[in-house]
């Protein structure tokens, strides 16, 4: 009866202890993950289950032994085993021991997952921080871009207005150029007509000069004939004088003859009178001829002067004609250039019109871009806030995982190392150091490495597991009976790999191996080739019992 009460009291105590453990753990990890709560709950339930099993144990020693082990387990020492050899208690102890091993597996896997989560959250945190900074910078840049695009839009609007003014001016210039072209064509026609008329004038002046020269020659011919007339008049005058003298003599002779010479006297008188008339007429002719000669001389002199003037005018006209011809050529060139300018201006007007259309399209696009960049800037501001929130959330998640890791490690850190165990670890490190120099390990080959590691593990049974990993963290061979798929797992997140791949020999704190579910210490050494380059690492789990 007394033992029965003792058993019931112990069972109640253990159940209450398990419940309290769960409550304490839940309060300690109110920010931790659900996995930690499940672990604590499982331990509480296991403790309760162990309390229930006490009702089946009939001896004080068994109860005391189990209570002692359970107390140590409750304190986080999962290296404990319950050793009972008799009856139902043996089966219970084996079941409890198996449950403890599964707890170890759960803790080991939780730590592994937790390490990966911490590694992932650290990387994600770094990336999120970078994204957060980039987002902030991008938001600032987008605000600058938005402001710049707004300014650019204003500039484009002003440019559009200027373009319209330029287009209007170009069209006005084009219209004026068209008028200039028409005027130049008309001027060219006038110049051609003037040149033609001037050439005709020069031709007529040449003809007039030749006519004047001919007239001067003819007049000079008249002067010669006037001299002939004068000679004739002189001859007539001389004849008249002689006749008059002859008539006078005849009159004298008639007077002498008397009555007989009276009729002859009358004739002589008539002849004398005719001679006087002839002489007078000859004098008049002389005067007329002299007048004609004088006028001919004046006309000839005038004609000579006129001919000389005409010749000078002709020479000047020829020079003027040459200048006019040159002006005509230049006018034609000018007209052609004006036509080219007109064509160029017309083409330029078309291009300016195209530019105006382009500027209108650019203005429309720029205004749309301004609106879009303003929206993007607002979105980037919101995104910056969101990424900052994500970064803070990831940081909180990382902190929670670190807390969870510390809590889970509490089941492992209770294991202490004495001097004997420390020497045990040093010997294991020396063994791995010697193994790391072997060719099969340096080669990092799956088949050769696996065979070598299995042989070494048979020789050194203090190792629960030996594995070699490349510099990237990939496990390439292990002494355990794993397939290639099971072997090829990446452990770059493990601290032993991070340190050993830097050339540092690493010894971990006690932990539960995910491969054997036993308490171990991980030791790792770098694997170097003949040149001293690190090819990877060699690690082993030293069992602690």
Foldseek 3Di string as FASTA:
>chain_A
DVQQVVLVVQLVVQLVLLVVQLVVQCVLQVVFDVLLSVLSNVLSVLSNVLSVCSNVDDDPVLVVQSVVQNVVVSQQALQDARDDDDDPVNVVRVVSNVVSLVSLLSLQVLLVVLLVLLVVLVVVLVVLVVVLVVLVVVLVVLVVVLVVLVVVLVVLVVVLVVLVVVLVVLVVVLVVLVVVLVVLVVVLVVLVVVLVVLVVVLVVLVVVLVVLVVVLVVLVVVLVVLVVLLVVLVVLLVVLVVLLVVLVVLLVVLVVVPPVSPVVNVVSVVSNVVSVVSNVVSVVSNVVSVVSNVVSVVSSVVSVVVSVVSVVVSVVSVVVSVVSVVVSVVSVVVSVVSVVVSVVSVVVSVVSVVVSVVSVVVSVVSVVVSVVSVVVSVVSVVVSVVSVVVSVVSVSNSVSSVSSSVVSCSSWLVDDDDPVVVVVVVVVQVLQVVVLADPLQLVLAAPSVQVSQLVVCVVPVQFPKKFWAFLQQFTSYIPDPDDRVVRGDGDCSDPCQVQQSVQDWDWAGWGQDSVSSATWIKTKHFRADPVRHTGTMMITTGGPD
